[in-house]
C-alpha cells in the first residue's frame, strides 16, 4: 500500500459495506472518507509492511491493513469490493499482512495459539465468510462487543466521578510530557499487555479530549479516558474494574456531545448493565466479535475507542 492508494481504499471500504448492509436490509453508513483515510494513513505510517492492496486493471479492488504492538498482531481492516469477492482475495491479503515475520503456522494451517504472538481481529457477526476465514486461521470468536447509544438518565449513575481526580492530558503534557507518557504506558501494559504511544499520538492529533484519572483518596493513578466532541467514547482504560464506571461517569459530565453518547462495551464489562439501566440502548442488530488465537485485553476494565486500533 502507498499513500496514493488511500482514497481508493476508502471507496472499497464503503462499497463493501453498502452492499452488505443492503443485502441484509440495514441502512447504509454515512460516507465520511476523510477520517477513514487519516486512520488508514496512520497505520500505513506505523506498519507499512503490514498494509497491502489488490489491484485489477488500474484500480484497487481490495485491501488489508494490520498492525503489531509488541506481542499482539491485529488485523485492522480487510475489505474486498463486491465485484471481486469470493475469489480468495481476503485470505491472500491476510497472509500478506502476516508476511513481515508475524505468521507462525502450527502445522495445521492455523496460526500458533501458544506462540509469542496473539493474533486478533474485531469482526461483525453478520459477516460469516469473514468470521470463517479468521477462525480457520485460529482467531476464534471470544468476546462480544456491543455498541450502546444514549444519554445518562438522572438518578441512574454508572459510577461516582467524585471518587476520581481528573487532569486533562493537554495540561499534564505541558508540564511533564515524559511523566504523562509513562503513566499512560503503565496503564496500557496492565490492561492491554503492551504500550502503544504511536496510537495515543494519533488520538491527540484527531481532536479527542483525554483525561488522566487518579484516586482521590490516595492519589494513585488509576486510568485514562478519551471522548470526541461528537459523543464517541474511548478508549477508556483503568487499573481495576471498580474504576471504570467512575471514569465513564466523569467523561459524561465533562463534555456536552453534539449527539447521543456512543460507547463500545465488551460483554464482560461491569458497566454494561448500569448503562442499560441508565438510559442507554443497544444500537444495531448484531455485535462485533473480538476473535483471537489467545487471550487479549482485560475487557472488564477497558472500553474500545475503535474496532481498528485498540
C-alpha atoms as a PDB file:
ATOM      1  CA  UNK A   1       0.000   0.000   0.000  1.00  0.00           C
ATOM      2  CA  UNK A   2       1.064   3.550  -0.768  1.00  0.00           C
ATOM      3  CA  UNK A   3      -0.322   6.841   0.436  1.00  0.00           C
ATOM      4  CA  UNK A   4      -1.793   7.438  -3.024  1.00  0.00           C
ATOM      5  CA  UNK A   5      -3.972   4.310  -2.558  1.00  0.00           C
ATOM      6  CA  UNK A   6      -5.850   5.664   0.461  1.00  0.00           C
ATOM      7  CA  UNK A   7      -8.783   7.270  -1.418  1.00  0.00           C
ATOM      8  CA  UNK A   8      -9.297   4.052  -3.388  1.00  0.00           C
ATOM      9  CA  UNK A   9      -9.211   2.033  -0.168  1.00  0.00           C
ATOM     10  CA  UNK A  10     -11.923   4.276   1.276  1.00  0.00           C
ATOM     11  CA  UNK A  11     -14.014   3.663  -1.869  1.00  0.00           C
ATOM     12  CA  UNK A  12     -13.632  -0.103  -1.453  1.00  0.00           C
ATOM     13  CA  UNK A  13     -14.497   0.146   2.254  1.00  0.00           C
ATOM     14  CA  UNK A  14     -17.791   1.925   1.607  1.00  0.00           C
ATOM     15  CA  UNK A  15     -18.692  -0.152  -1.463  1.00  0.00           C
ATOM     16  CA  UNK A  16     -18.275  -3.390   0.506  1.00  0.00           C
ATOM     17  CA  UNK A  17     -20.289  -2.153   3.489  1.00  0.00           C
ATOM     18  CA  UNK A  18     -23.029  -0.628   1.319  1.00  0.00           C
ATOM     19  CA  UNK A  19     -23.507  -3.958  -0.483  1.00  0.00           C
ATOM     20  CA  UNK A  20     -23.512  -5.946   2.762  1.00  0.00           C
ATOM     21  CA  UNK A  21     -25.984  -3.675   4.517  1.00  0.00           C
ATOM     22  CA  UNK A  22     -28.301  -3.558   1.501  1.00  0.00           C
ATOM     23  CA  UNK A  23     -28.268  -7.356   1.353  1.00  0.00           C
ATOM     24  CA  UNK A  24     -29.348  -7.731   4.983  1.00  0.00           C
ATOM     25  CA  UNK A  25     -31.763  -4.802   4.986  1.00  0.00           C
ATOM     26  CA  UNK A  26     -29.772  -2.359   7.100  1.00  0.00           C
ATOM     27  CA  UNK A  27     -29.491   1.337   6.202  1.00  0.00           C
ATOM     28  CA  UNK A  28     -26.112   2.359   4.766  1.00  0.00           C
ATOM     29  CA  UNK A  29     -23.493   4.040   6.892  1.00  0.00           C
ATOM     30  CA  UNK A  30     -22.891   7.748   6.244  1.00  0.00           C
ATOM     31  CA  UNK A  31     -19.886   8.179   3.964  1.00  0.00           C
ATOM     32  CA  UNK A  32     -17.191  10.211   5.695  1.00  0.00           C
ATOM     33  CA  UNK A  33     -13.956   9.225   3.940  1.00  0.00           C
ATOM     34  CA  UNK A  34     -11.601  11.838   5.411  1.00  0.00           C
ATOM     35  CA  UNK A  35     -11.395  10.338   8.936  1.00  0.00           C
ATOM     36  CA  UNK A  36     -11.098   6.867   7.429  1.00  0.00           C
ATOM     37  CA  UNK A  37      -8.187   7.919   5.252  1.00  0.00           C
ATOM     38  CA  UNK A  38      -6.469   9.538   8.231  1.00  0.00           C
ATOM     39  CA  UNK A  39      -6.762   6.260  10.127  1.00  0.00           C
ATOM     40  CA  UNK A  40      -5.541   4.245   7.137  1.00  0.00           C
ATOM     41  CA  UNK A  41      -2.653   6.673   6.802  1.00  0.00           C
ATOM     42  CA  UNK A  42      -1.706   6.394  10.467  1.00  0.00           C
ATOM     43  CA  UNK A  43      -1.477   2.604  10.238  1.00  0.00           C
ATOM     44  CA  UNK A  44       0.397   2.779   6.950  1.00  0.00           C
ATOM     45  CA  UNK A  45       2.896   5.110   8.606  1.00  0.00           C
ATOM     46  CA  UNK A  46       3.434   2.870  11.649  1.00  0.00           C
ATOM     47  CA  UNK A  47       3.290  -0.556   9.917  1.00  0.00           C
ATOM     48  CA  UNK A  48       3.951  -0.157   6.183  1.00  0.00           C
ATOM     49  CA  UNK A  49       4.934  -3.810   5.764  1.00  0.00           C
ATOM     50  CA  UNK A  50       1.535  -4.948   7.050  1.00  0.00           C
ATOM     51  CA  UNK A  51      -0.616  -2.839   4.681  1.00  0.00           C
ATOM     52  CA  UNK A  52      -1.418  -4.292   1.243  1.00  0.00           C
ATOM     53  CA  UNK A  53      -3.758  -3.750  -1.691  1.00  0.00           C
ATOM     54  CA  UNK A  54      -5.016  -5.926  -4.526  1.00  0.00           C
ATOM     55  CA  UNK A  55      -5.438  -4.328  -7.939  1.00  0.00           C
ATOM     56  CA  UNK A  56      -7.383  -5.241 -11.042  1.00  0.00           C
ATOM     57  CA  UNK A  57      -6.583  -3.269 -14.146  1.00  0.00           C
ATOM     58  CA  UNK A  58      -5.600   0.181 -12.886  1.00  0.00           C
ATOM     59  CA  UNK A  59      -7.601   0.250  -9.675  1.00  0.00           C
ATOM     60  CA  UNK A  60      -7.560  -1.024  -6.087  1.00  0.00           C
ATOM     61  CA  UNK A  61     -10.248  -3.675  -5.557  1.00  0.00           C
ATOM     62  CA  UNK A  62      -9.309  -4.927  -2.063  1.00  0.00           C
ATOM     63  CA  UNK A  63      -7.060  -4.025   0.825  1.00  0.00           C
ATOM     64  CA  UNK A  64      -5.807  -5.339   4.138  1.00  0.00           C
ATOM     65  CA  UNK A  65      -4.274  -3.338   6.985  1.00  0.00           C
ATOM     66  CA  UNK A  66      -2.717  -4.859  10.097  1.00  0.00           C
ATOM     67  CA  UNK A  67      -0.540  -3.551  12.867  1.00  0.00           C
ATOM     68  CA  UNK A  68       1.642  -5.065  15.528  1.00  0.00           C
ATOM     69  CA  UNK A  69       2.076  -3.713  19.018  1.00  0.00           C
ATOM     70  CA  UNK A  70       4.617  -5.760  20.996  1.00  0.00           C
ATOM     71  CA  UNK A  71       3.204  -9.298  21.240  1.00  0.00           C
ATOM     72  CA  UNK A  72      -0.167  -8.565  19.598  1.00  0.00           C
ATOM     73  CA  UNK A  73      -0.795  -8.689  15.831  1.00  0.00           C
ATOM     74  CA  UNK A  74      -4.136  -7.081  14.971  1.00  0.00           C
ATOM     75  CA  UNK A  75      -5.977  -7.057  11.647  1.00  0.00           C
ATOM     76  CA  UNK A  76      -7.495  -3.582  11.448  1.00  0.00           C
ATOM     77  CA  UNK A  77      -9.183  -3.732   8.037  1.00  0.00           C
ATOM     78  CA  UNK A  78      -9.903  -6.360   5.390  1.00  0.00           C
ATOM     79  CA  UNK A  79     -12.306  -5.299   2.643  1.00  0.00           C
ATOM     80  CA  UNK A  80     -12.939  -6.572  -0.874  1.00  0.00           C
ATOM     81  CA  UNK A  81     -15.043  -4.766  -3.477  1.00  0.00           C
ATOM     82  CA  UNK A  82     -18.311  -6.681  -4.069  1.00  0.00           C
ATOM     83  CA  UNK A  83     -17.420  -7.334  -7.720  1.00  0.00           C
ATOM     84  CA  UNK A  84     -14.255  -9.179  -6.663  1.00  0.00           C
ATOM     85  CA  UNK A  85     -15.469 -11.164  -3.662  1.00  0.00           C
ATOM     86  CA  UNK A  86     -15.421 -14.979  -3.490  1.00  0.00           C
ATOM     87  CA  UNK A  87     -12.112 -15.082  -5.356  1.00  0.00           C
ATOM     88  CA  UNK A  88      -9.853 -15.700  -2.364  1.00  0.00           C
ATOM     89  CA  UNK A  89      -8.531 -12.149  -2.133  1.00  0.00           C
ATOM     90  CA  UNK A  90      -9.375 -11.873   1.562  1.00  0.00           C
ATOM     91  CA  UNK A  91      -7.224 -14.830   2.555  1.00  0.00           C
ATOM     92  CA  UNK A  92      -4.385 -13.734   0.254  1.00  0.00           C
ATOM     93  CA  UNK A  93      -4.350 -10.248   1.742  1.00  0.00           C
ATOM     94  CA  UNK A  94      -4.481 -11.582   5.295  1.00  0.00           C
ATOM     95  CA  UNK A  95      -1.441 -13.737   4.613  1.00  0.00           C
ATOM     96  CA  UNK A  96       0.349 -10.777   3.004  1.00  0.00           C
ATOM     97  CA  UNK A  97      -0.346  -8.729   6.136  1.00  0.00           C
ATOM     98  CA  UNK A  98       1.289 -11.542   8.111  1.00  0.00           C
ATOM     99  CA  UNK A  99       4.299 -11.773   5.836  1.00  0.00           C
ATOM    100  CA  UNK A 100       6.569  -9.429   7.790  1.00  0.00           C
ATOM    101  CA  UNK A 101       7.746 -12.160  10.131  1.00  0.00           C
ATOM    102  CA  UNK A 102       4.461 -12.359  12.020  1.00  0.00           C
ATOM    103  CA  UNK A 103       2.872 -15.558  10.715  1.00  0.00           C
ATOM    104  CA  UNK A 104       3.508 -18.741  12.688  1.00  0.00           C
ATOM    105  CA  UNK A 105       1.679 -21.748  11.304  1.00  0.00           C
ATOM    106  CA  UNK A 106       1.213 -24.569  13.796  1.00  0.00           C
ATOM    107  CA  UNK A 107       1.329 -27.319  11.179  1.00  0.00           C
ATOM    108  CA  UNK A 108      -2.433 -27.411  10.644  1.00  0.00           C
ATOM    109  CA  UNK A 109      -2.767 -24.185   8.674  1.00  0.00           C
ATOM    110  CA  UNK A 110      -3.718 -22.187  11.762  1.00  0.00           C
ATOM    111  CA  UNK A 111      -1.690 -19.535  13.492  1.00  0.00           C
ATOM    112  CA  UNK A 112       0.021 -20.790  16.629  1.00  0.00           C
ATOM    113  CA  UNK A 113      -2.154 -20.042  19.655  1.00  0.00           C
ATOM    114  CA  UNK A 114       0.582 -20.621  22.219  1.00  0.00           C
ATOM    115  CA  UNK A 115       3.426 -18.847  20.453  1.00  0.00           C
ATOM    116  CA  UNK A 116       4.953 -15.456  21.233  1.00  0.00           C
ATOM    117  CA  UNK A 117       2.219 -13.536  19.400  1.00  0.00           C
ATOM    118  CA  UNK A 118      -1.514 -13.135  19.856  1.00  0.00           C
ATOM    119  CA  UNK A 119      -3.338 -12.754  16.535  1.00  0.00           C
ATOM    120  CA  UNK A 120      -6.622 -10.879  16.749  1.00  0.00           C
ATOM    121  CA  UNK A 121      -9.353  -9.068  14.829  1.00  0.00           C
ATOM    122  CA  UNK A 122     -12.707  -7.409  15.516  1.00  0.00           C
ATOM    123  CA  UNK A 123     -15.311  -8.655  13.028  1.00  0.00           C
ATOM    124  CA  UNK A 124     -19.007  -8.047  12.574  1.00  0.00           C
ATOM    125  CA  UNK A 125     -21.064 -11.092  13.495  1.00  0.00           C
ATOM    126  CA  UNK A 126     -23.170 -10.515  10.357  1.00  0.00           C
ATOM    127  CA  UNK A 127     -20.183 -11.459   8.175  1.00  0.00           C
ATOM    128  CA  UNK A 128     -19.973 -15.268   8.334  1.00  0.00           C
ATOM    129  CA  UNK A 129     -17.460 -15.521   5.489  1.00  0.00           C
ATOM    130  CA  UNK A 130     -15.007 -13.252   7.273  1.00  0.00           C
ATOM    131  CA  UNK A 131     -15.550 -14.981  10.616  1.00  0.00           C
ATOM    132  CA  UNK A 132     -14.933 -18.351   8.984  1.00  0.00           C
ATOM    133  CA  UNK A 133     -11.684 -17.095   7.453  1.00  0.00           C
ATOM    134  CA  UNK A 134     -10.421 -15.789  10.780  1.00  0.00           C
ATOM    135  CA  UNK A 135     -11.497 -18.911  12.665  1.00  0.00           C
ATOM    136  CA  UNK A 136      -9.760 -21.123  10.100  1.00  0.00           C
ATOM    137  CA  UNK A 137      -6.537 -19.299  10.970  1.00  0.00           C
ATOM    138  CA  UNK A 138      -7.090 -19.829  14.688  1.00  0.00           C
ATOM    139  CA  UNK A 139      -8.669 -16.452  15.520  1.00  0.00           C
ATOM    140  CA  UNK A 140     -11.758 -17.801  17.258  1.00  0.00           C
ATOM    141  CA  UNK A 141     -14.673 -15.598  18.422  1.00  0.00           C
ATOM    142  CA  UNK A 142     -14.168 -14.923  22.133  1.00  0.00           C
ATOM    143  CA  UNK A 143     -15.818 -11.691  23.322  1.00  0.00           C
ATOM    144  CA  UNK A 144     -18.898  -9.829  22.001  1.00  0.00           C
ATOM    145  CA  UNK A 145     -18.621  -6.048  21.832  1.00  0.00           C
ATOM    146  CA  UNK A 146     -21.872  -4.078  21.876  1.00  0.00           C
ATOM    147  CA  UNK A 147     -22.499  -0.535  20.701  1.00  0.00           C
ATOM    148  CA  UNK A 148     -24.602   1.393  23.199  1.00  0.00           C
ATOM    149  CA  UNK A 149     -26.019   4.843  22.476  1.00  0.00           C
ATOM    150  CA  UNK A 150     -27.984   7.304  24.560  1.00  0.00           C
ATOM    151  CA  UNK A 151     -27.745   9.829  27.353  1.00  0.00           C
ATOM    152  CA  UNK A 152     -27.481   9.076  31.080  1.00  0.00           C
ATOM    153  CA  UNK A 153     -30.765   9.104  32.964  1.00  0.00           C
ATOM    154  CA  UNK A 154     -30.656  11.291  36.111  1.00  0.00           C
ATOM    155  CA  UNK A 155     -30.661   9.139  39.218  1.00  0.00           C
ATOM    156  CA  UNK A 156     -29.227   6.095  37.452  1.00  0.00           C
ATOM    157  CA  UNK A 157     -25.463   6.614  37.767  1.00  0.00           C
ATOM    158  CA  UNK A 158     -22.961   4.342  36.061  1.00  0.00           C
ATOM    159  CA  UNK A 159     -20.341   5.308  38.651  1.00  0.00           C
ATOM    160  CA  UNK A 160     -19.237   8.007  41.055  1.00  0.00           C
ATOM    161  CA  UNK A 161     -16.991  10.626  39.437  1.00  0.00           C
ATOM    162  CA  UNK A 162     -16.274  12.129  42.874  1.00  0.00           C
ATOM    163  CA  UNK A 163     -14.009   9.138  43.560  1.00  0.00           C
ATOM    164  CA  UNK A 164     -11.557  10.469  40.983  1.00  0.00           C
ATOM    165  CA  UNK A 165      -9.402  13.485  40.321  1.00  0.00           C
ATOM    166  CA  UNK A 166      -9.133  14.131  36.591  1.00  0.00           C
ATOM    167  CA  UNK A 167      -6.407  16.070  34.779  1.00  0.00           C
ATOM    168  CA  UNK A 168      -6.528  16.868  31.042  1.00  0.00           C
ATOM    169  CA  UNK A 169      -3.740  15.300  29.014  1.00  0.00           C
ATOM    170  CA  UNK A 170      -3.057  18.699  27.449  1.00  0.00           C
ATOM    171  CA  UNK A 171      -2.248  20.284  30.829  1.00  0.00           C
ATOM    172  CA  UNK A 172      -0.140  17.362  32.034  1.00  0.00           C
ATOM    173  CA  UNK A 173       1.821  17.229  28.772  1.00  0.00           C
ATOM    174  CA  UNK A 174       2.658  20.919  29.015  1.00  0.00           C
ATOM    175  CA  UNK A 175       4.195  20.369  32.466  1.00  0.00           C
ATOM    176  CA  UNK A 176       5.938  16.986  32.008  1.00  0.00           C
ATOM    177  CA  UNK A 177       5.201  15.052  28.829  1.00  0.00           C
ATOM    178  CA  UNK A 178       7.516  12.220  29.846  1.00  0.00           C
ATOM    179  CA  UNK A 179       5.668  11.618  33.109  1.00  0.00           C
ATOM    180  CA  UNK A 180       2.324  11.561  31.287  1.00  0.00           C
ATOM    181  CA  UNK A 181       3.626   9.097  28.697  1.00  0.00           C
ATOM    182  CA  UNK A 182       4.980   6.843  31.444  1.00  0.00           C
ATOM    183  CA  UNK A 183       1.647   6.873  33.291  1.00  0.00           C
ATOM    184  CA  UNK A 184      -0.302   6.029  30.127  1.00  0.00           C
ATOM    185  CA  UNK A 185       2.181   3.283  29.239  1.00  0.00           C
ATOM    186  CA  UNK A 186       1.846   1.664  32.669  1.00  0.00           C
ATOM    187  CA  UNK A 187      -1.959   1.613  32.372  1.00  0.00           C
ATOM    188  CA  UNK A 188      -1.770   0.125  28.872  1.00  0.00           C
ATOM    189  CA  UNK A 189       0.654  -2.569  29.991  1.00  0.00           C
ATOM    190  CA  UNK A 190      -1.679  -3.549  32.810  1.00  0.00           C
ATOM    191  CA  UNK A 191      -4.815  -3.507  30.648  1.00  0.00           C
ATOM    192  CA  UNK A 192      -3.771  -4.399  27.094  1.00  0.00           C
ATOM    193  CA  UNK A 193      -0.439  -6.088  27.704  1.00  0.00           C
ATOM    194  CA  UNK A 194       1.540  -3.581  25.621  1.00  0.00           C
ATOM    195  CA  UNK A 195       2.338   0.101  25.279  1.00  0.00           C
ATOM    196  CA  UNK A 196       1.370   1.945  22.090  1.00  0.00           C
ATOM    197  CA  UNK A 197       2.423   5.609  22.286  1.00  0.00           C
ATOM    198  CA  UNK A 198       2.156   5.970  18.500  1.00  0.00           C
ATOM    199  CA  UNK A 199      -1.595   5.409  18.707  1.00  0.00           C
ATOM    200  CA  UNK A 200      -2.009   7.895  21.547  1.00  0.00           C
ATOM    201  CA  UNK A 201      -0.234  10.484  19.406  1.00  0.00           C
ATOM    202  CA  UNK A 202      -2.716   9.764  16.609  1.00  0.00           C
ATOM    203  CA  UNK A 203      -5.660  10.158  19.014  1.00  0.00           C
ATOM    204  CA  UNK A 204      -4.288  13.507  20.147  1.00  0.00           C
ATOM    205  CA  UNK A 205      -3.974  14.691  16.538  1.00  0.00           C
ATOM    206  CA  UNK A 206      -7.522  13.514  15.843  1.00  0.00           C
ATOM    207  CA  UNK A 207      -9.047  16.035  18.232  1.00  0.00           C
ATOM    208  CA  UNK A 208     -10.140  13.717  21.020  1.00  0.00           C
ATOM    209  CA  UNK A 209     -10.108  15.097  24.540  1.00  0.00           C
ATOM    210  CA  UNK A 210      -8.456  12.950  27.194  1.00  0.00           C
ATOM    211  CA  UNK A 211      -8.037  12.879  30.971  1.00  0.00           C
ATOM    212  CA  UNK A 212      -5.786  11.018  33.382  1.00  0.00           C
ATOM    213  CA  UNK A 213      -7.602   9.734  36.462  1.00  0.00           C
ATOM    214  CA  UNK A 214      -6.218   9.495  39.996  1.00  0.00           C
ATOM    215  CA  UNK A 215      -7.883   8.009  43.025  1.00  0.00           C
ATOM    216  CA  UNK A 216      -8.995  10.951  45.120  1.00  0.00           C
ATOM    217  CA  UNK A 217      -8.363   9.259  48.467  1.00  0.00           C
ATOM    218  CA  UNK A 218      -4.716   8.266  47.986  1.00  0.00           C
ATOM    219  CA  UNK A 219      -3.672   9.883  44.702  1.00  0.00           C
ATOM    220  CA  UNK A 220      -2.749   6.704  42.816  1.00  0.00           C
ATOM    221  CA  UNK A 221      -3.112   6.857  39.036  1.00  0.00           C
ATOM    222  CA  UNK A 222      -5.960   4.527  38.084  1.00  0.00           C
ATOM    223  CA  UNK A 223      -6.812   5.160  34.431  1.00  0.00           C
ATOM    224  CA  UNK A 224      -7.406   7.397  31.450  1.00  0.00           C
ATOM    225  CA  UNK A 225     -10.272   8.150  29.103  1.00  0.00           C
ATOM    226  CA  UNK A 226     -10.899   9.781  25.718  1.00  0.00           C
ATOM    227  CA  UNK A 227     -14.010  11.344  24.198  1.00  0.00           C
ATOM    228  CA  UNK A 228     -14.796  13.003  20.885  1.00  0.00           C
ATOM    229  CA  UNK A 229     -16.972  16.130  20.657  1.00  0.00           C
ATOM    230  CA  UNK A 230     -19.468  14.027  18.681  1.00  0.00           C
ATOM    231  CA  UNK A 231     -20.043  11.860  21.779  1.00  0.00           C
ATOM    232  CA  UNK A 232     -17.933   8.859  20.849  1.00  0.00           C
ATOM    233  CA  UNK A 233     -16.232   7.459  23.938  1.00  0.00           C
ATOM    234  CA  UNK A 234     -12.943   5.614  24.140  1.00  0.00           C
ATOM    235  CA  UNK A 235     -10.549   4.228  24.626  1.00  0.00           C
ATOM    236  CA  UNK A 236     -11.021   4.114  28.395  1.00  0.00           C
ATOM    237  CA  UNK A 237      -8.612   2.018  30.459  1.00  0.00           C
ATOM    238  CA  UNK A 238      -8.414   1.565  34.226  1.00  0.00           C
ATOM    239  CA  UNK A 239      -6.087  -0.373  36.500  1.00  0.00           C
ATOM    240  CA  UNK A 240      -9.058  -2.012  38.223  1.00  0.00           C
ATOM    241  CA  UNK A 241     -12.613  -2.752  37.099  1.00  0.00           C
ATOM    242  CA  UNK A 242     -14.040  -0.765  40.044  1.00  0.00           C
ATOM    243  CA  UNK A 243     -12.772   2.481  38.488  1.00  0.00           C
ATOM    244  CA  UNK A 244     -14.291   2.009  35.026  1.00  0.00           C
ATOM    245  CA  UNK A 245     -17.785   3.241  35.891  1.00  0.00           C
ATOM    246  CA  UNK A 246     -16.447   6.273  37.742  1.00  0.00           C
ATOM    247  CA  UNK A 247     -14.182   7.182  34.824  1.00  0.00           C
ATOM    248  CA  UNK A 248     -17.093   6.865  32.420  1.00  0.00           C
ATOM    249  CA  UNK A 249     -19.337   8.980  34.654  1.00  0.00           C
ATOM    250  CA  UNK A 250     -16.684  11.689  34.744  1.00  0.00           C
ATOM    251  CA  UNK A 251     -16.436  11.745  30.938  1.00  0.00           C
ATOM    252  CA  UNK A 252     -20.227  12.049  30.622  1.00  0.00           C
ATOM    253  CA  UNK A 253     -20.094  15.145  32.817  1.00  0.00           C
ATOM    254  CA  UNK A 254     -17.029  16.708  31.247  1.00  0.00           C
ATOM    255  CA  UNK A 255     -18.252  17.030  27.650  1.00  0.00           C
ATOM    256  CA  UNK A 256     -21.574  18.037  26.134  1.00  0.00           C
ATOM    257  CA  UNK A 257     -21.749  15.945  22.950  1.00  0.00           C
ATOM    258  CA  UNK A 258     -23.305  17.165  19.732  1.00  0.00           C
ATOM    259  CA  UNK A 259     -25.362  13.961  19.576  1.00  0.00           C
ATOM    260  CA  UNK A 260     -26.016  10.960  21.809  1.00  0.00           C
ATOM    261  CA  UNK A 261     -23.133   9.200  23.534  1.00  0.00           C
ATOM    262  CA  UNK A 262     -21.694   6.167  21.733  1.00  0.00           C
ATOM    263  CA  UNK A 263     -19.893   3.564  23.858  1.00  0.00           C
ATOM    264  CA  UNK A 264     -18.377   0.278  22.647  1.00  0.00           C
ATOM    265  CA  UNK A 265     -18.908  -2.074  25.591  1.00  0.00           C
ATOM    266  CA  UNK A 266     -17.459  -5.610  25.807  1.00  0.00           C
ATOM    267  CA  UNK A 267     -19.785  -8.291  27.118  1.00  0.00           C
ATOM    268  CA  UNK A 268     -17.769  -8.890  30.338  1.00  0.00           C
ATOM    269  CA  UNK A 269     -17.713  -5.189  31.228  1.00  0.00           C
ATOM    270  CA  UNK A 270     -19.090  -4.254  34.654  1.00  0.00           C
ATOM    271  CA  UNK A 271     -20.634  -1.073  33.188  1.00  0.00           C
ATOM    272  CA  UNK A 272     -22.871  -2.871  30.657  1.00  0.00           C
ATOM    273  CA  UNK A 273     -25.849  -3.420  32.973  1.00  0.00           C
ATOM    274  CA  UNK A 274     -25.525   0.025  34.538  1.00  0.00           C
ATOM    275  CA  UNK A 275     -25.586   1.730  31.138  1.00  0.00           C
ATOM    276  CA  UNK A 276     -28.656  -0.234  30.032  1.00  0.00           C
ATOM    277  CA  UNK A 277     -30.445   0.653  33.272  1.00  0.00           C
ATOM    278  CA  UNK A 278     -29.379   4.266  32.921  1.00  0.00           C
ATOM    279  CA  UNK A 279     -30.917   5.271  29.606  1.00  0.00           C
ATOM    280  CA  UNK A 280     -28.685   3.645  27.005  1.00  0.00           C
ATOM    281  CA  UNK A 281     -29.855   1.172  24.386  1.00  0.00           C
ATOM    282  CA  UNK A 282     -28.259  -1.363  22.105  1.00  0.00           C
ATOM    283  CA  UNK A 283     -27.612   0.166  18.704  1.00  0.00           C
ATOM    284  CA  UNK A 284     -27.689  -2.156  15.709  1.00  0.00           C
ATOM    285  CA  UNK A 285     -28.784  -5.756  15.455  1.00  0.00           C
ATOM    286  CA  UNK A 286     -25.510  -7.640  15.730  1.00  0.00           C
ATOM    287  CA  UNK A 287     -22.456  -7.380  17.981  1.00  0.00           C
ATOM    288  CA  UNK A 288     -18.857  -7.150  16.942  1.00  0.00           C
ATOM    289  CA  UNK A 289     -16.829 -10.227  17.872  1.00  0.00           C
ATOM    290  CA  UNK A 290     -13.312  -9.983  19.285  1.00  0.00           C
ATOM    291  CA  UNK A 291     -11.655 -13.006  17.699  1.00  0.00           C
ATOM    292  CA  UNK A 292      -8.180 -14.111  18.685  1.00  0.00           C
ATOM    293  CA  UNK A 293      -5.790 -17.013  18.985  1.00  0.00           C
ATOM    294  CA  UNK A 294      -5.422 -16.417  22.724  1.00  0.00           C
ATOM    295  CA  UNK A 295      -6.444 -14.015  25.456  1.00  0.00           C
ATOM    296  CA  UNK A 296      -6.481 -10.298  24.766  1.00  0.00           C
ATOM    297  CA  UNK A 297      -7.170  -7.132  26.774  1.00  0.00           C
ATOM    298  CA  UNK A 298      -8.778  -7.242  30.178  1.00  0.00           C
ATOM    299  CA  UNK A 299     -12.246  -6.378  28.935  1.00  0.00           C
ATOM    300  CA  UNK A 300     -13.564  -5.860  32.472  1.00  0.00           C
ATOM    301  CA  UNK A 301     -11.587  -2.620  32.672  1.00  0.00           C
ATOM    302  CA  UNK A 302     -11.268  -1.494  29.078  1.00  0.00           C
ATOM    303  CA  UNK A 303     -13.648   0.212  26.634  1.00  0.00           C
ATOM    304  CA  UNK A 304     -12.633   0.346  22.985  1.00  0.00           C
ATOM    305  CA  UNK A 305     -12.381   3.571  21.069  1.00  0.00           C
ATOM    306  CA  UNK A 306     -12.234   1.844  17.705  1.00  0.00           C
ATOM    307  CA  UNK A 307     -12.581  -1.601  16.153  1.00  0.00           C
ATOM    308  CA  UNK A 308      -9.415  -0.929  14.170  1.00  0.00           C
ATOM    309  CA  UNK A 309      -6.948   0.295  16.811  1.00  0.00           C
ATOM    310  CA  UNK A 310      -7.274  -0.820  20.411  1.00  0.00           C
END
